[in-house]
Amino acid sequence: MNGQVQAQRQAGEAAVQAAYAAFIRHTQLCAPCRKTGADCAAAVALRQAWRDAKSEVAA
């Protein structure tokens, strides 16, 4: 793997980790998410962003 490909892969993995962290942070701080155990609309969007980032890395 050359340097450019490695840098792109690392950037993709960093995006996945950032998206996951945003989702987890939200669910920890959001009262409706904590109290009901179900994702609110914002959490659903954050989860989808995480899934999209994972799909980009896998492609």
N, C-alpha and C. Protein backbone atom coordinates (compact mmCIF):
# COMPACT_ATOMS: atom_id res chain seq x y z
N MET A 1 0.85 -1.17 0.00
CA MET A 1 0.00 0.00 0.00
C MET A 1 0.90 1.24 0.00
N ASN A 2 0.61 2.14 -0.92
CA ASN A 2 1.46 3.34 -0.94
C ASN A 2 0.95 4.37 0.06
N GLY A 3 1.70 5.44 0.22
CA GLY A 3 1.38 6.44 1.24
C GLY A 3 0.04 7.10 1.06
N GLN A 4 -0.32 7.38 -0.20
CA GLN A 4 -1.60 8.06 -0.45
C GLN A 4 -2.78 7.15 -0.11
N VAL A 5 -2.70 5.90 -0.48
CA VAL A 5 -3.77 4.94 -0.18
C VAL A 5 -3.89 4.75 1.33
N GLN A 6 -2.76 4.64 2.00
CA GLN A 6 -2.76 4.46 3.45
C GLN A 6 -3.38 5.68 4.13
N ALA A 7 -3.05 6.87 3.65
CA ALA A 7 -3.61 8.10 4.23
C ALA A 7 -5.12 8.15 4.04
N GLN A 8 -5.59 7.74 2.86
CA GLN A 8 -7.03 7.72 2.61
C GLN A 8 -7.73 6.71 3.51
N ARG A 9 -7.12 5.57 3.69
CA ARG A 9 -7.70 4.54 4.57
C ARG A 9 -7.76 5.04 6.02
N GLN A 10 -6.70 5.66 6.48
CA GLN A 10 -6.68 6.17 7.84
C GLN A 10 -7.71 7.28 8.02
N ALA A 11 -7.88 8.13 7.02
CA ALA A 11 -8.88 9.19 7.10
C ALA A 11 -10.28 8.59 7.17
N GLY A 12 -10.52 7.54 6.39
CA GLY A 12 -11.82 6.88 6.43
C GLY A 12 -12.10 6.24 7.78
N GLU A 13 -11.09 5.59 8.33
CA GLU A 13 -11.25 4.97 9.64
C GLU A 13 -11.45 6.02 10.73
N ALA A 14 -10.78 7.14 10.60
CA ALA A 14 -10.96 8.24 11.56
C ALA A 14 -12.38 8.79 11.47
N ALA A 15 -12.93 8.86 10.26
CA ALA A 15 -14.30 9.33 10.08
C ALA A 15 -15.29 8.37 10.72
N VAL A 16 -15.04 7.07 10.60
CA VAL A 16 -15.90 6.07 11.23
C VAL A 16 -15.86 6.24 12.74
N GLN A 17 -14.67 6.38 13.30
CA GLN A 17 -14.54 6.53 14.75
C GLN A 17 -15.20 7.81 15.24
N ALA A 18 -15.06 8.90 14.49
CA ALA A 18 -15.68 10.16 14.88
C ALA A 18 -17.20 10.06 14.84
N ALA A 19 -17.72 9.41 13.82
CA ALA A 19 -19.17 9.25 13.71
C ALA A 19 -19.71 8.37 14.84
N TYR A 20 -19.00 7.30 15.15
CA TYR A 20 -19.41 6.42 16.24
C TYR A 20 -19.37 7.16 17.58
N ALA A 21 -18.31 7.92 17.79
CA ALA A 21 -18.17 8.68 19.04
C ALA A 21 -19.30 9.70 19.18
N ALA A 22 -19.67 10.34 18.08
CA ALA A 22 -20.77 11.31 18.12
C ALA A 22 -22.08 10.63 18.49
N PHE A 23 -22.32 9.45 17.91
CA PHE A 23 -23.54 8.70 18.22
C PHE A 23 -23.56 8.29 19.70
N ILE A 24 -22.48 7.73 20.18
CA ILE A 24 -22.42 7.27 21.58
C ILE A 24 -22.54 8.44 22.53
N ARG A 25 -21.82 9.52 22.25
CA ARG A 25 -21.88 10.71 23.11
C ARG A 25 -23.31 11.23 23.18
N HIS A 26 -24.00 11.27 22.04
CA HIS A 26 -25.38 11.75 22.04
C HIS A 26 -26.27 10.85 22.90
N THR A 27 -26.16 9.55 22.72
CA THR A 27 -27.04 8.66 23.47
C THR A 27 -26.77 8.70 24.97
N GLN A 28 -25.56 9.04 25.35
CA GLN A 28 -25.24 9.17 26.77
C GLN A 28 -25.79 10.45 27.36
N LEU A 29 -25.87 11.50 26.56
CA LEU A 29 -26.30 12.80 27.06
C LEU A 29 -27.78 13.10 26.83
N CYS A 30 -28.41 12.42 25.91
CA CYS A 30 -29.79 12.70 25.54
C CYS A 30 -30.76 12.02 26.53
N ALA A 31 -31.55 12.82 27.20
CA ALA A 31 -32.48 12.27 28.19
C ALA A 31 -33.48 11.28 27.58
N PRO A 32 -34.13 11.60 26.47
CA PRO A 32 -35.08 10.62 25.90
C PRO A 32 -34.40 9.31 25.50
N CYS A 33 -33.20 9.39 24.95
CA CYS A 33 -32.49 8.16 24.58
C CYS A 33 -32.17 7.32 25.81
N ARG A 34 -31.73 7.99 26.87
CA ARG A 34 -31.37 7.27 28.10
C ARG A 34 -32.59 6.69 28.78
N LYS A 35 -33.66 7.49 28.88
CA LYS A 35 -34.83 7.06 29.65
C LYS A 35 -35.64 5.97 28.95
N THR A 36 -35.77 6.08 27.63
CA THR A 36 -36.61 5.11 26.91
C THR A 36 -35.82 3.94 26.36
N GLY A 37 -34.51 4.12 26.20
CA GLY A 37 -33.71 3.06 25.60
C GLY A 37 -33.87 2.99 24.09
N ALA A 38 -34.62 3.91 23.55
CA ALA A 38 -34.84 3.96 22.10
C ALA A 38 -34.17 5.22 21.56
N ASP A 39 -33.74 5.15 20.31
CA ASP A 39 -33.08 6.30 19.69
C ASP A 39 -34.08 7.38 19.34
N CYS A 40 -33.72 8.63 19.67
CA CYS A 40 -34.51 9.77 19.22
C CYS A 40 -34.14 10.06 17.76
N ALA A 41 -34.78 11.05 17.16
CA ALA A 41 -34.53 11.36 15.75
C ALA A 41 -33.07 11.74 15.51
N ALA A 42 -32.48 12.50 16.43
CA ALA A 42 -31.08 12.89 16.27
C ALA A 42 -30.17 11.66 16.35
N ALA A 43 -30.47 10.76 17.25
CA ALA A 43 -29.66 9.54 17.38
C ALA A 43 -29.79 8.67 16.13
N VAL A 44 -30.97 8.62 15.57
CA VAL A 44 -31.17 7.85 14.33
C VAL A 44 -30.29 8.42 13.22
N ALA A 45 -30.25 9.74 13.11
CA ALA A 45 -29.42 10.38 12.09
C ALA A 45 -27.94 10.13 12.35
N LEU A 46 -27.52 10.19 13.60
CA LEU A 46 -26.12 9.94 13.94
C LEU A 46 -25.74 8.47 13.68
N ARG A 47 -26.65 7.56 13.99
CA ARG A 47 -26.39 6.14 13.72
C ARG A 47 -26.25 5.91 12.22
N GLN A 48 -27.11 6.56 11.44
CA GLN A 48 -27.03 6.41 9.98
C GLN A 48 -25.74 6.99 9.44
N ALA A 49 -25.29 8.11 9.99
CA ALA A 49 -24.02 8.70 9.56
C ALA A 49 -22.86 7.74 9.85
N TRP A 50 -22.92 7.07 10.99
CA TRP A 50 -21.90 6.09 11.34
C TRP A 50 -21.93 4.92 10.35
N ARG A 51 -23.12 4.42 10.04
CA ARG A 51 -23.25 3.32 9.08
C ARG A 51 -22.74 3.73 7.70
N ASP A 52 -23.07 4.94 7.30
CA ASP A 52 -22.61 5.44 6.00
C ASP A 52 -21.09 5.53 5.96
N ALA A 53 -20.49 6.00 7.04
CA ALA A 53 -19.02 6.09 7.10
C ALA A 53 -18.40 4.72 7.03
N LYS A 54 -18.99 3.73 7.73
CA LYS A 54 -18.49 2.36 7.67
C LYS A 54 -18.58 1.81 6.26
N SER A 55 -19.68 2.10 5.56
CA SER A 55 -19.85 1.62 4.21
C SER A 55 -18.82 2.22 3.26
N GLU A 56 -18.50 3.49 3.46
CA GLU A 56 -17.49 4.15 2.62
C GLU A 56 -16.12 3.48 2.80
N VAL A 57 -15.77 3.14 4.02
CA VAL A 57 -14.48 2.52 4.28
C VAL A 57 -14.43 1.12 3.68
N ALA A 58 -15.55 0.40 3.77
CA ALA A 58 -15.59 -0.97 3.26
C ALA A 58 -15.55 -1.01 1.74
N ALA A 59 -16.00 0.05 1.09
CA ALA A 59 -16.07 0.05 -0.39
C ALA A 59 -14.72 0.19 -1.04
